[in-house]
Amino acid sequence: MIKKLFAQANRGILLDVIVFVVNVVLMTILSRQLTNLFHQANTNAIAQTAVALFCLGLTFLQPIGAILKRRHAHLRKPDLNHVPLGCVFLPAYFLTQLLFLIGASGQIVDLLS
């Protein structure tokens, strides 16, 4: 099973697993930094702008990357299941995943504090 994961055909899955693990680790660190930024945003206008830009970046960058990658994946492997409205459902899925990661990392930060 592990040997199949390192095969040439599955390099995308391996990359997804690595990116997920790195995201989970970095989200805990980022949550602490974000907590400090939120405390500063109560009084500082520049910190408020940084919080808004950060949230917009989190909301849009991950789904945009997945949507752009989707077309190339279907061109490379035409036998993939094609969902006609995938461009509508994929952003909702990634937003849900993102909210889960943010909530989980916030809980971890609370436990470690």
N, C-alpha and C. Protein backbone atom coordinates (compact mmCIF):
# COMPACT_ATOMS: atom_id res chain seq x y z
N MET A 1 0.83 -1.20 0.00
CA MET A 1 0.00 0.00 0.00
C MET A 1 0.87 1.26 0.00
N ILE A 2 1.87 1.30 0.88
CA ILE A 2 2.75 2.46 0.94
C ILE A 2 3.55 2.58 -0.35
N LYS A 3 3.95 1.44 -0.91
CA LYS A 3 4.74 1.46 -2.14
C LYS A 3 3.94 2.07 -3.29
N LYS A 4 2.63 1.81 -3.33
CA LYS A 4 1.77 2.39 -4.36
C LYS A 4 1.68 3.91 -4.23
N LEU A 5 1.75 4.39 -3.00
CA LEU A 5 1.65 5.84 -2.76
C LEU A 5 2.81 6.58 -3.39
N PHE A 6 3.98 5.95 -3.44
CA PHE A 6 5.17 6.59 -4.00
C PHE A 6 5.32 6.36 -5.51
N ALA A 7 4.35 5.72 -6.13
CA ALA A 7 4.40 5.49 -7.58
C ALA A 7 4.22 6.81 -8.33
N GLN A 8 4.71 6.84 -9.55
CA GLN A 8 4.63 8.05 -10.38
C GLN A 8 3.19 8.52 -10.57
N ALA A 9 2.27 7.59 -10.73
CA ALA A 9 0.87 7.94 -10.99
C ALA A 9 0.19 8.57 -9.78
N ASN A 10 0.71 8.32 -8.58
CA ASN A 10 0.07 8.81 -7.36
C ASN A 10 0.82 9.97 -6.72
N ARG A 11 1.67 10.63 -7.46
CA ARG A 11 2.45 11.71 -6.85
C ARG A 11 1.56 12.87 -6.40
N GLY A 12 0.43 13.08 -7.05
CA GLY A 12 -0.50 14.13 -6.63
C GLY A 12 -1.11 13.84 -5.28
N ILE A 13 -1.46 12.57 -5.06
CA ILE A 13 -2.03 12.18 -3.77
C ILE A 13 -0.99 12.34 -2.67
N LEU A 14 0.24 11.93 -2.95
CA LEU A 14 1.31 12.08 -1.97
C LEU A 14 1.53 13.55 -1.63
N LEU A 15 1.52 14.40 -2.64
CA LEU A 15 1.68 15.83 -2.41
C LEU A 15 0.52 16.37 -1.57
N ASP A 16 -0.69 15.92 -1.84
CA ASP A 16 -1.85 16.37 -1.06
C ASP A 16 -1.72 15.97 0.40
N VAL A 17 -1.24 14.75 0.67
CA VAL A 17 -1.06 14.29 2.05
C VAL A 17 0.00 15.13 2.75
N ILE A 18 1.10 15.38 2.07
CA ILE A 18 2.18 16.19 2.66
C ILE A 18 1.70 17.61 2.94
N VAL A 19 1.00 18.19 1.99
CA VAL A 19 0.49 19.55 2.17
C VAL A 19 -0.50 19.60 3.32
N PHE A 20 -1.35 18.59 3.46
CA PHE A 20 -2.31 18.55 4.56
C PHE A 20 -1.60 18.51 5.91
N VAL A 21 -0.59 17.65 6.04
CA VAL A 21 0.15 17.54 7.30
C VAL A 21 0.86 18.86 7.62
N VAL A 22 1.49 19.46 6.63
CA VAL A 22 2.16 20.74 6.84
C VAL A 22 1.15 21.81 7.24
N ASN A 23 -0.03 21.81 6.62
CA ASN A 23 -1.07 22.77 6.98
C ASN A 23 -1.51 22.62 8.42
N VAL A 24 -1.69 21.39 8.87
CA VAL A 24 -2.13 21.16 10.24
C VAL A 24 -1.08 21.68 11.22
N VAL A 25 0.19 21.41 10.95
CA VAL A 25 1.26 21.88 11.84
C VAL A 25 1.36 23.40 11.83
N LEU A 26 1.36 23.96 10.63
CA LEU A 26 1.51 25.41 10.54
C LEU A 26 0.29 26.18 11.03
N MET A 27 -0.88 25.58 10.97
CA MET A 27 -2.08 26.27 11.44
C MET A 27 -2.03 26.51 12.95
N THR A 28 -1.42 25.59 13.69
CA THR A 28 -1.31 25.83 15.13
C THR A 28 -0.40 27.02 15.41
N ILE A 29 0.70 27.09 14.70
CA ILE A 29 1.61 28.23 14.87
C ILE A 29 0.95 29.51 14.40
N LEU A 30 0.30 29.43 13.27
CA LEU A 30 -0.37 30.60 12.71
C LEU A 30 -1.53 31.07 13.58
N SER A 31 -2.19 30.14 14.26
CA SER A 31 -3.29 30.52 15.15
C SER A 31 -2.79 31.38 16.30
N ARG A 32 -1.64 31.03 16.83
CA ARG A 32 -1.08 31.86 17.91
C ARG A 32 -0.75 33.26 17.41
N GLN A 33 -0.14 33.33 16.24
CA GLN A 33 0.17 34.64 15.68
C GLN A 33 -1.10 35.43 15.37
N LEU A 34 -2.10 34.74 14.89
CA LEU A 34 -3.36 35.39 14.57
C LEU A 34 -4.07 35.89 15.83
N THR A 35 -3.96 35.14 16.91
CA THR A 35 -4.54 35.59 18.18
C THR A 35 -3.89 36.90 18.62
N ASN A 36 -2.57 36.98 18.52
CA ASN A 36 -1.88 38.23 18.86
C ASN A 36 -2.31 39.36 17.95
N LEU A 37 -2.47 39.06 16.68
CA LEU A 37 -2.91 40.08 15.72
C LEU A 37 -4.32 40.56 16.03
N PHE A 38 -5.21 39.64 16.43
CA PHE A 38 -6.57 40.04 16.79
C PHE A 38 -6.58 40.94 18.02
N HIS A 39 -5.71 40.64 18.97
CA HIS A 39 -5.64 41.51 20.15
C HIS A 39 -5.15 42.90 19.78
N GLN A 40 -4.21 42.98 18.85
CA GLN A 40 -3.72 44.28 18.40
C GLN A 40 -4.75 45.00 17.54
N ALA A 41 -5.61 44.25 16.86
CA ALA A 41 -6.59 44.84 15.94
C ALA A 41 -7.66 45.63 16.67
N ASN A 42 -7.79 45.43 17.97
CA ASN A 42 -8.77 46.21 18.73
C ASN A 42 -8.42 47.68 18.74
N THR A 43 -7.14 48.00 18.67
CA THR A 43 -6.73 49.40 18.78
C THR A 43 -5.98 49.93 17.56
N ASN A 44 -5.50 49.06 16.70
CA ASN A 44 -4.63 49.47 15.61
C ASN A 44 -5.32 49.26 14.26
N ALA A 45 -5.42 50.32 13.46
CA ALA A 45 -6.09 50.23 12.15
C ALA A 45 -5.29 49.39 11.16
N ILE A 46 -3.98 49.44 11.22
CA ILE A 46 -3.16 48.63 10.32
C ILE A 46 -3.35 47.14 10.62
N ALA A 47 -3.46 46.80 11.90
CA ALA A 47 -3.71 45.41 12.28
C ALA A 47 -5.09 44.95 11.81
N GLN A 48 -6.07 45.84 11.83
CA GLN A 48 -7.40 45.49 11.33
C GLN A 48 -7.36 45.19 9.84
N THR A 49 -6.59 45.98 9.09
CA THR A 49 -6.44 45.73 7.66
C THR A 49 -5.73 44.41 7.41
N ALA A 50 -4.72 44.12 8.21
CA ALA A 50 -3.99 42.85 8.06
C ALA A 50 -4.91 41.66 8.34
N VAL A 51 -5.77 41.78 9.33
CA VAL A 51 -6.72 40.71 9.65
C VAL A 51 -7.68 40.49 8.49
N ALA A 52 -8.18 41.57 7.91
CA ALA A 52 -9.12 41.45 6.79
C ALA A 52 -8.44 40.81 5.57
N LEU A 53 -7.22 41.23 5.26
CA LEU A 53 -6.50 40.65 4.12
C LEU A 53 -6.17 39.18 4.35
N PHE A 54 -5.82 38.85 5.57
CA PHE A 54 -5.52 37.46 5.91
C PHE A 54 -6.74 36.58 5.71
N CYS A 55 -7.88 37.03 6.21
CA CYS A 55 -9.10 36.23 6.08
C CYS A 55 -9.53 36.10 4.62
N LEU A 56 -9.40 37.16 3.84
CA LEU A 56 -9.73 37.08 2.42
C LEU A 56 -8.80 36.12 1.69
N GLY A 57 -7.52 36.17 2.03
CA GLY A 57 -6.57 35.26 1.41
C GLY A 57 -6.88 33.81 1.73
N LEU A 58 -7.20 33.52 2.98
CA LEU A 58 -7.55 32.15 3.36
C LEU A 58 -8.81 31.67 2.65
N THR A 59 -9.74 32.57 2.49
CA THR A 59 -11.02 32.19 1.90
C THR A 59 -10.90 31.87 0.42
N PHE A 60 -10.09 32.62 -0.32
CA PHE A 60 -10.09 32.49 -1.77
C PHE A 60 -8.91 31.74 -2.37
N LEU A 61 -7.75 31.73 -1.75
CA LEU A 61 -6.58 31.15 -2.40
C LEU A 61 -6.65 29.63 -2.54
N GLN A 62 -7.07 28.93 -1.51
CA GLN A 62 -7.11 27.47 -1.60
C GLN A 62 -8.14 26.99 -2.62
N PRO A 63 -9.37 27.47 -2.61
CA PRO A 63 -10.32 27.01 -3.64
C PRO A 63 -9.91 27.39 -5.06
N ILE A 64 -9.31 28.55 -5.23
CA ILE A 64 -8.88 28.95 -6.58
C ILE A 64 -7.82 27.99 -7.10
N GLY A 65 -6.88 27.60 -6.25
CA GLY A 65 -5.85 26.65 -6.66
C GLY A 65 -6.44 25.31 -7.05
N ALA A 66 -7.41 24.84 -6.29
CA ALA A 66 -8.03 23.55 -6.60
C ALA A 66 -8.83 23.61 -7.90
N ILE A 67 -9.51 24.70 -8.12
CA ILE A 67 -10.30 24.83 -9.34
C ILE A 67 -9.38 24.91 -10.56
N LEU A 68 -8.29 25.63 -10.45
CA LEU A 68 -7.36 25.73 -11.57
C LEU A 68 -6.67 24.39 -11.85
N LYS A 69 -6.43 23.62 -10.82
CA LYS A 69 -5.79 22.31 -10.98
C LYS A 69 -6.74 21.27 -11.56
N ARG A 70 -8.03 21.45 -11.35
CA ARG A 70 -9.04 20.47 -11.75
C ARG A 70 -9.03 20.20 -13.25
N ARG A 71 -8.95 21.24 -14.06
CA ARG A 71 -9.00 21.07 -15.51
C ARG A 71 -7.81 20.23 -16.00
N HIS A 72 -6.63 20.51 -15.47
CA HIS A 72 -5.45 19.76 -15.89
C HIS A 72 -5.54 18.30 -15.45
N ALA A 73 -6.14 18.06 -14.29
CA ALA A 73 -6.31 16.68 -13.84
C ALA A 73 -7.25 15.91 -14.76
N HIS A 74 -8.30 16.57 -15.22
CA HIS A 74 -9.23 15.90 -16.13
C HIS A 74 -8.62 15.71 -17.52
N LEU A 75 -7.75 16.61 -17.93
CA LEU A 75 -7.07 16.42 -19.21
C LEU A 75 -6.08 15.27 -19.15
N ARG A 76 -5.40 15.15 -18.00
CA ARG A 76 -4.40 14.10 -17.83
C ARG A 76 -5.04 12.72 -17.67
N LYS A 77 -6.16 12.66 -16.94
CA LYS A 77 -6.87 11.39 -16.70
C LYS A 77 -8.33 11.57 -17.08
N PRO A 78 -8.67 11.31 -18.33
CA PRO A 78 -10.05 11.53 -18.79
C PRO A 78 -11.09 10.62 -18.13
N ASP A 79 -10.65 9.52 -17.53
CA ASP A 79 -11.61 8.61 -16.91
C ASP A 79 -12.03 9.04 -15.51
N LEU A 80 -11.57 10.19 -15.04
CA LEU A 80 -12.01 10.69 -13.74
C LEU A 80 -13.50 10.99 -13.78
N ASN A 81 -14.15 10.80 -12.66
CA ASN A 81 -15.58 11.13 -12.60
C ASN A 81 -15.74 12.63 -12.79
N HIS A 82 -16.58 13.00 -13.70
CA HIS A 82 -16.78 14.42 -14.01
C HIS A 82 -18.09 14.88 -13.41
N VAL A 83 -18.02 15.82 -12.49
CA VAL A 83 -19.21 16.44 -11.91
C VAL A 83 -19.46 17.72 -12.68
N PRO A 84 -20.60 17.85 -13.36
CA PRO A 84 -20.82 19.03 -14.21
C PRO A 84 -20.72 20.36 -13.47
N LEU A 85 -21.18 20.41 -12.24
CA LEU A 85 -21.13 21.66 -11.48
C LEU A 85 -20.02 21.61 -10.44
N GLY A 86 -18.92 20.96 -10.75
CA GLY A 86 -17.81 20.84 -9.80
C GLY A 86 -17.24 22.18 -9.40
N CYS A 87 -17.26 23.15 -10.32
CA CYS A 87 -16.72 24.47 -9.98
C CYS A 87 -17.59 25.17 -8.94
N VAL A 88 -18.83 24.72 -8.76
CA VAL A 88 -19.70 25.29 -7.74
C VAL A 88 -19.49 24.58 -6.41
N PHE A 89 -19.35 23.25 -6.45
CA PHE A 89 -19.26 22.47 -5.23
C PHE A 89 -17.86 22.46 -4.62
N LEU A 90 -16.82 22.55 -5.44
CA LEU A 90 -15.46 22.50 -4.91
C LEU A 90 -15.16 23.66 -3.95
N PRO A 91 -15.49 24.90 -4.26
CA PRO A 91 -15.21 25.97 -3.30
C PRO A 91 -15.93 25.77 -1.97
N ALA A 92 -17.15 25.26 -2.00
CA ALA A 92 -17.87 25.01 -0.75
C ALA A 92 -17.17 23.93 0.06
N TYR A 93 -16.67 22.90 -0.60
CA TYR A 93 -15.94 21.85 0.10
C TYR A 93 -14.68 22.40 0.74
N PHE A 94 -13.91 23.18 -0.02
CA PHE A 94 -12.67 23.69 0.52
C PHE A 94 -12.90 24.72 1.62
N LEU A 95 -13.97 25.49 1.53
CA LEU A 95 -14.29 26.43 2.60
C LEU A 95 -14.65 25.67 3.87
N THR A 96 -15.40 24.58 3.74
CA THR A 96 -15.73 23.76 4.90
C THR A 96 -14.47 23.15 5.50
N GLN A 97 -13.58 22.66 4.66
CA GLN A 97 -12.33 22.09 5.14
C GLN A 97 -11.50 23.16 5.85
N LEU A 98 -11.46 24.35 5.29
CA LEU A 98 -10.70 25.44 5.88
C LEU A 98 -11.26 25.82 7.24
N LEU A 99 -12.57 25.92 7.36
CA LEU A 99 -13.18 26.25 8.65
C LEU A 99 -12.88 25.17 9.68
N PHE A 100 -12.89 23.91 9.27
CA PHE A 100 -12.54 22.83 10.18
C PHE A 100 -11.10 22.96 10.66
N LEU A 101 -10.17 23.24 9.75
CA LEU A 101 -8.77 23.38 10.13
C LEU A 101 -8.56 24.57 11.06
N ILE A 102 -9.22 25.68 10.79
CA ILE A 102 -9.09 26.85 11.66
C ILE A 102 -9.64 26.55 13.04
N GLY A 103 -10.81 25.90 13.10
CA GLY A 103 -11.39 25.55 14.39
C GLY A 103 -10.54 24.57 15.17
N ALA A 104 -10.02 23.56 14.48
CA ALA A 104 -9.18 22.56 15.15
C ALA A 104 -7.89 23.18 15.66
N SER A 105 -7.28 24.03 14.87
CA SER A 105 -6.04 24.66 15.32
C SER A 105 -6.31 25.61 16.48
N GLY A 106 -7.45 26.27 16.47
CA GLY A 106 -7.81 27.13 17.60
C GLY A 106 -7.99 26.33 18.87
N GLN A 107 -8.60 25.16 18.76
CA GLN A 107 -8.76 24.30 19.93
C GLN A 107 -7.41 23.81 20.45
N ILE A 108 -6.51 23.47 19.54
CA ILE A 108 -5.18 23.02 19.96
C ILE A 108 -4.44 24.14 20.67
N VAL A 109 -4.55 25.37 20.14
CA VAL A 109 -3.89 26.50 20.79
C VAL A 109 -4.47 26.73 22.18
N ASP A 110 -5.79 26.59 22.34
CA ASP A 110 -6.41 26.74 23.66
C ASP A 110 -5.91 25.67 24.62
N LEU A 111 -5.75 24.45 24.12
CA LEU A 111 -5.27 23.37 24.97
C LEU A 111 -3.81 23.59 25.38
N LEU A 112 -3.01 24.14 24.48
CA LEU A 112 -1.60 24.35 24.78
C LEU A 112 -1.35 25.59 25.62
N SER A 113 -2.30 26.49 25.66
CA SER A 113 -2.11 27.75 26.42
C SER A 113 -2.34 27.55 27.89
